[in-house]
Protein backbone atom coordinates (compact mmCIF):
# COMPACT_ATOMS: atom_id res chain seq x y z
CA UNK A 1 99.41 90.09 155.60
CA UNK A 2 98.45 93.72 156.04
CA UNK A 3 96.02 94.48 158.82
CA UNK A 4 92.79 96.28 158.06
CA UNK A 5 92.28 99.63 159.69
CA UNK A 6 89.42 99.80 162.17
CA UNK A 7 87.14 101.95 159.94
CA UNK A 8 87.71 99.64 156.98
CA UNK A 9 87.11 96.57 159.11
CA UNK A 10 83.85 98.04 160.38
CA UNK A 11 82.79 98.79 156.79
CA UNK A 12 83.51 95.21 155.72
CA UNK A 13 81.57 93.85 158.69
CA UNK A 14 78.66 96.17 157.91
CA UNK A 15 78.54 94.96 154.32
CA UNK A 16 78.67 91.32 155.41
CA UNK A 17 76.04 91.90 158.09
CA UNK A 18 73.69 93.72 155.71
CA UNK A 19 74.07 91.08 153.03
CA UNK A 20 73.58 88.19 155.43
CA UNK A 21 70.47 89.70 156.98
CA UNK A 22 68.62 90.64 153.81
CA UNK A 23 66.35 88.43 151.76
CA UNK A 24 68.03 86.79 148.75
CA UNK A 25 68.15 89.04 145.72
CA UNK A 26 66.36 86.54 143.46
CA UNK A 27 63.44 86.39 145.89
CA UNK A 28 63.20 90.16 146.03
CA UNK A 29 63.21 90.31 142.22
CA UNK A 30 60.50 87.64 142.03
CA UNK A 31 58.24 89.63 144.36
CA UNK A 32 58.79 92.85 142.43
CA UNK A 33 58.06 91.05 139.18
CA UNK A 34 54.79 89.79 140.66
CA UNK A 35 53.85 93.28 141.85
CA UNK A 36 54.48 94.83 138.42
CA UNK A 37 52.41 92.08 136.78
CA UNK A 38 49.50 92.82 139.13
CA UNK A 39 49.67 96.55 138.46
CA UNK A 40 49.69 95.97 134.70
CA UNK A 41 46.81 93.50 134.90
CA UNK A 42 44.62 95.88 136.90
CA UNK A 43 45.52 99.06 135.02
CA UNK A 44 42.05 99.30 133.43
CA UNK A 45 40.23 98.84 136.73
CA UNK A 46 40.82 101.80 139.07
CA UNK A 47 39.40 100.24 142.24
CA UNK A 48 41.37 97.02 141.82
CA UNK A 49 44.54 98.90 140.95
CA UNK A 50 44.10 101.09 144.01
CA UNK A 51 43.87 97.95 146.19
CA UNK A 52 47.04 96.59 144.59
CA UNK A 53 48.98 99.82 145.08
CA UNK A 54 47.85 100.03 148.68
CA UNK A 55 48.63 96.41 149.51
CA UNK A 56 52.05 96.49 147.86
CA UNK A 57 53.07 100.03 148.73
CA UNK A 58 56.04 98.83 150.81
CA UNK A 59 57.24 96.52 148.03
CA UNK A 60 59.89 98.81 146.60
CA UNK A 61 63.63 99.02 146.02
CA UNK A 62 64.50 98.86 149.74
CA UNK A 63 67.28 96.31 150.33
CA UNK A 64 65.41 93.82 152.47
CA UNK A 65 62.09 92.41 151.28
CA UNK A 66 61.60 90.91 154.75
CA UNK A 67 60.46 94.38 155.81
CA UNK A 68 57.72 94.48 153.20
CA UNK A 69 54.06 94.24 154.17
CA UNK A 70 52.73 90.67 154.32
CA UNK A 71 56.14 89.17 153.57
CA UNK A 72 57.54 86.96 156.33
CA UNK A 73 61.07 85.61 156.55
CA UNK A 74 63.06 83.02 158.41
CA UNK A 75 65.05 84.96 161.00
CA UNK A 76 67.43 82.19 162.00
CA UNK A 77 71.08 83.23 161.95
CA UNK A 78 72.48 83.27 158.44
CA UNK A 79 69.07 82.95 156.79
CA UNK A 80 66.54 85.53 155.60
CA UNK A 81 64.59 83.42 153.14
CA UNK A 82 60.98 84.34 152.47
CA UNK A 83 58.85 81.63 154.11
CA UNK A 84 55.35 83.14 154.00
CA UNK A 85 53.26 85.40 151.79
CA UNK A 86 49.81 86.55 152.92
CA UNK A 87 48.24 88.08 149.82
CA UNK A 88 44.61 87.53 150.74
CA UNK A 89 42.54 88.63 153.73
CA UNK A 90 39.56 90.02 151.80
CA UNK A 91 41.71 91.82 149.23
CA UNK A 92 39.67 91.78 146.04
CA UNK A 93 41.03 92.31 142.55
CA UNK A 94 37.55 92.23 140.99
CA UNK A 95 36.41 93.17 138.42
CA UNK A 96 39.89 92.60 137.00
CA UNK A 97 40.47 89.06 135.74
CA UNK A 98 43.99 87.73 136.07
CA UNK A 99 45.39 84.74 134.22
CA UNK A 100 46.86 82.11 136.50
CA UNK A 101 50.22 82.56 134.76
CA UNK A 102 50.60 85.75 136.79
CA UNK A 103 51.73 83.51 139.66
CA UNK A 104 54.86 82.34 137.83
CA UNK A 105 57.33 84.65 139.66
CA UNK A 106 56.18 83.35 143.05
CA UNK A 107 57.04 79.79 142.11
CA UNK A 108 60.73 80.76 142.16
CA UNK A 109 60.58 81.33 145.93
CA UNK A 110 61.23 77.72 146.86
CA UNK A 111 61.58 78.45 150.59
CA UNK A 112 57.85 79.24 150.96
CA UNK A 113 56.06 77.40 153.75
CA UNK A 114 52.82 79.40 153.71
CA UNK A 115 51.17 80.88 150.63
CA UNK A 116 47.85 82.72 150.82
CA UNK A 117 46.58 83.61 147.34
CA UNK A 118 42.95 84.33 148.21
CA UNK A 119 43.00 87.37 145.95
CA UNK A 120 39.55 86.93 144.39
CA UNK A 121 40.52 87.50 140.80
CA UNK A 122 42.75 84.75 139.39
CA UNK A 123 41.30 82.41 136.79
CA UNK A 124 42.42 79.50 134.64
CA UNK A 125 44.13 76.25 135.51
CA UNK A 126 46.50 76.24 138.45
CA UNK A 127 50.05 75.70 137.11
CA UNK A 128 50.99 72.31 138.53
CA UNK A 129 54.65 72.53 137.52
CA UNK A 130 54.96 75.80 139.40
CA UNK A 131 53.32 74.44 142.55
CA UNK A 132 55.69 71.47 142.38
CA UNK A 133 58.62 73.84 143.03
CA UNK A 134 57.23 74.78 146.44
CA UNK A 135 58.28 71.59 148.16
CA UNK A 136 58.32 73.14 151.66
CA UNK A 137 54.70 74.30 151.66
CA UNK A 138 52.77 73.66 154.86
CA UNK A 139 49.74 75.91 154.28
CA UNK A 140 48.25 76.67 150.85
CA UNK A 141 45.19 78.92 150.49
CA UNK A 142 43.81 79.36 146.96
CA UNK A 143 40.28 80.29 148.00
CA UNK A 144 38.07 82.97 146.47
CA UNK A 145 39.42 82.84 142.93
CA UNK A 146 38.23 81.16 139.74
CA UNK A 147 40.72 78.37 139.25
CA UNK A 148 39.28 75.74 136.93
CA UNK A 149 40.06 72.24 135.74
CA UNK A 150 41.21 69.56 138.12
CA UNK A 151 43.40 70.02 141.17
CA UNK A 152 46.98 69.55 139.91
CA UNK A 153 48.42 66.19 140.91
CA UNK A 154 51.62 67.96 141.98
CA UNK A 155 49.81 69.27 145.08
CA UNK A 156 49.59 65.71 146.35
CA UNK A 157 53.38 65.42 146.22
CA UNK A 158 53.92 68.26 148.70
CA UNK A 159 55.05 66.13 151.61
CA UNK A 160 54.75 68.76 154.36
CA UNK A 161 51.31 70.12 153.43
CA UNK A 162 49.04 70.41 156.48
CA UNK A 163 46.29 72.80 155.33
CA UNK A 164 44.77 73.04 151.86
CA UNK A 165 41.97 75.47 151.05
CA UNK A 166 40.71 75.63 147.46
CA UNK A 167 37.18 76.78 148.35
CA UNK A 168 35.11 79.15 146.19
CA UNK A 169 36.71 78.26 142.88
CA UNK A 170 35.65 76.34 139.77
CA UNK A 171 37.68 73.18 140.21
CA UNK A 172 35.83 70.21 138.75
CA UNK A 173 35.92 66.45 138.26
CA UNK A 174 36.24 63.79 140.90
CA UNK A 175 38.08 64.39 144.14
CA UNK A 176 41.36 62.65 143.30
CA UNK A 177 42.20 59.42 145.11
CA UNK A 178 45.67 60.86 145.59
CA UNK A 179 44.24 63.10 148.32
CA UNK A 180 44.80 60.12 150.58
CA UNK A 181 48.56 60.52 150.14
CA UNK A 182 48.52 63.76 152.15
CA UNK A 183 48.68 62.07 155.53
CA UNK A 184 49.91 65.25 157.25
CA UNK A 185 46.74 67.16 156.36
CA UNK A 186 44.89 68.73 159.27
CA UNK A 187 42.57 71.01 157.32
CA UNK A 188 40.96 70.34 153.92
CA UNK A 189 38.38 72.68 152.37
CA UNK A 190 37.00 71.96 148.90
CA UNK A 191 33.69 73.78 149.36
CA UNK A 192 31.92 75.72 146.60
CA UNK A 193 33.50 74.05 143.58
CA UNK A 194 32.19 71.68 140.90
CA UNK A 195 33.39 68.34 142.22
CA UNK A 196 31.16 65.36 141.51
CA UNK A 197 31.13 61.62 142.02
CA UNK A 198 31.80 59.81 145.26
CA UNK A 199 33.94 60.87 148.19
CA UNK A 200 37.07 58.73 147.71
CA UNK A 201 37.68 56.13 150.40
CA UNK A 202 41.35 57.17 150.38
CA UNK A 203 40.27 60.17 152.46
CA UNK A 204 40.20 57.75 155.40
CA UNK A 205 44.02 57.76 155.29
CA UNK A 206 44.04 61.33 156.62
CA UNK A 207 44.24 60.36 160.26
CA UNK A 208 45.33 63.84 161.39
CA UNK A 209 42.44 65.62 159.72
CA UNK A 210 40.59 68.03 162.03
CA UNK A 211 38.49 69.97 159.50
CA UNK A 212 36.86 68.55 156.38
CA UNK A 213 34.56 70.80 154.34
CA UNK A 214 33.21 69.37 151.08
CA UNK A 215 30.03 71.48 150.99
CA UNK A 216 28.35 72.99 147.94
CA UNK A 217 29.56 70.61 145.27
CA UNK A 218 27.74 67.82 143.41
CA UNK A 219 29.11 64.88 145.37
CA UNK A 220 26.94 61.78 145.29
CA UNK A 221 26.70 58.23 146.63
CA UNK A 222 27.39 57.38 150.25
CA UNK A 223 29.90 58.77 152.74
CA UNK A 224 32.79 56.30 153.26
CA UNK A 225 31.51 53.88 155.88
CA UNK A 226 34.54 54.17 158.16
CA UNK A 227 34.50 57.98 158.39
CA UNK A 228 34.50 57.47 162.16
CA UNK A 229 38.12 56.31 161.98
CA UNK A 230 39.18 59.95 161.51
CA UNK A 231 39.36 60.32 165.27
CA UNK A 232 40.83 63.85 165.26
CA UNK A 233 37.89 65.32 163.33
CA UNK A 234 36.41 68.48 164.85
CA UNK A 235 34.46 69.99 161.94
CA UNK A 236 32.74 67.80 159.34
CA UNK A 237 30.69 69.60 156.67
CA UNK A 238 28.98 67.88 153.71
CA UNK A 239 26.02 70.23 153.17
CA UNK A 240 24.59 71.07 149.72
CA UNK A 241 25.51 67.93 147.81
CA UNK A 242 23.50 64.89 146.61
CA UNK A 243 24.88 62.38 149.09
CA UNK A 244 22.75 59.34 149.87
CA UNK A 245 22.43 56.62 152.48
CA UNK A 246 21.82 56.85 156.20
CA UNK A 247 23.65 58.70 158.93
CA UNK A 248 26.59 56.41 159.54
CA UNK A 249 26.93 54.93 162.99
CA UNK A 250 30.72 55.29 162.78
CA UNK A 251 30.29 59.06 163.22
CA UNK A 252 29.59 58.27 166.86
CA UNK A 253 33.28 57.30 167.16
CA UNK A 254 34.45 60.88 166.55
CA UNK A 255 35.20 61.98 170.14
CA UNK A 256 36.33 65.50 169.23
CA UNK A 257 33.50 66.34 166.84
CA UNK A 258 32.02 69.80 167.44
CA UNK A 259 30.29 70.56 164.12
CA UNK A 260 28.38 68.09 161.95
CA UNK A 261 26.62 69.55 158.92
CA UNK A 262 24.78 67.16 156.59
CA UNK A 263 22.12 69.65 155.47
CA UNK A 264 20.53 69.57 152.00
CA UNK A 265 21.44 66.11 150.76
CA UNK A 266 19.45 62.92 150.09
CA UNK A 267 20.02 61.11 153.38
CA UNK A 268 17.25 58.79 154.51
CA UNK A 269 16.26 56.86 157.62
CA UNK A 270 15.92 57.83 161.25
CA UNK A 271 17.84 60.51 163.06
CA UNK A 272 19.85 58.34 165.48
CA UNK A 273 19.57 59.15 169.18
CA UNK A 274 23.31 58.66 169.72
CA UNK A 275 23.99 61.94 167.88
CA UNK A 276 22.97 63.74 171.07
CA UNK A 277 25.47 61.75 173.10
CA UNK A 278 28.50 63.05 171.21
CA UNK A 279 30.01 64.96 174.11
CA UNK A 280 31.58 67.92 172.30
CA UNK A 281 28.98 68.37 169.56
CA UNK A 282 27.71 71.96 169.61
CA UNK A 283 26.35 72.40 166.06
CA UNK A 284 24.22 69.87 164.20
CA UNK A 285 22.54 70.53 160.84
CA UNK A 286 20.34 67.84 159.28
CA UNK A 287 17.63 69.81 157.45
CA UNK A 288 16.78 69.36 153.79
CA UNK A 289 17.06 65.55 153.83
CA UNK A 290 14.56 62.69 153.92
CA UNK A 291 15.23 61.87 157.56
CA UNK A 292 12.64 60.72 160.08
CA UNK A 293 12.66 62.18 163.57
CA UNK A 294 13.20 59.38 166.06
CA UNK A 295 11.01 59.53 169.21
CA UNK A 296 13.86 58.18 171.29
CA UNK A 297 16.09 60.95 169.98
CA UNK A 298 13.48 63.52 171.02
CA UNK A 299 13.56 62.25 174.58
CA UNK A 300 17.34 62.34 174.70
CA UNK A 301 17.41 65.87 173.30
CA UNK A 302 14.87 67.10 175.90
CA UNK A 303 17.17 65.90 178.64
CA UNK A 304 20.18 67.83 177.36
């Protein structure tokens, strides 16, 4: 077998090295397709288009999409897959209105672990079949859009999902019982949507949950009685609903609780004195209910 000359060998190695340490071509093409779709969709809205062009300025024909702004890759040897896209952070596409189908190219990037789509301009139903492709997702942020309909059931099949934020949308219906399947969840924000009905008891399966924000919906009936079993809870927010019942004594069992917000509901009964004995509690909001101030609680509070 003929030996390669040194210059030729170096050229071959350079080609191999460059190919191995660039993002996959199909992922690059998917990102470029998404960029073009955004530019076309905002073409009639100069301010929105300017934001798009600025945000995606580095998304061009350069070989490696891992160098593009807000694109993050896996840098382990032999792998340059795109694992995170941060397309939010107060980037607004308003007044442009984008159909949710614009997301289709992104659903081909199956290596994604984090996807931030808080773009403030996407409307319509979230494509469940597309989300189902992203089986490695850990963090999903869909906030500040206008997604409507129910939350796709496919989200509840994402086995690694730890943080789900669908706040400030137009999702509606009951909170699905399937939410209890997401036992890895640490953060769940459903605030400012159109959910109604009761808080499903299956939510008590989320033993790792640290933040639960269900505020500003139309949730009714009582909080699940064993909410205190979610022992990792730090932030618990139910404000601006039509929840009923009393302040559950099981809340006292939340040793890490720092924020409890029950404001503007239909809670009744006395404000229990033990609330002021929750060691880490720093923020407590109870206004806008039918609660009675307990004299014993007043004494405890004055001693704090």
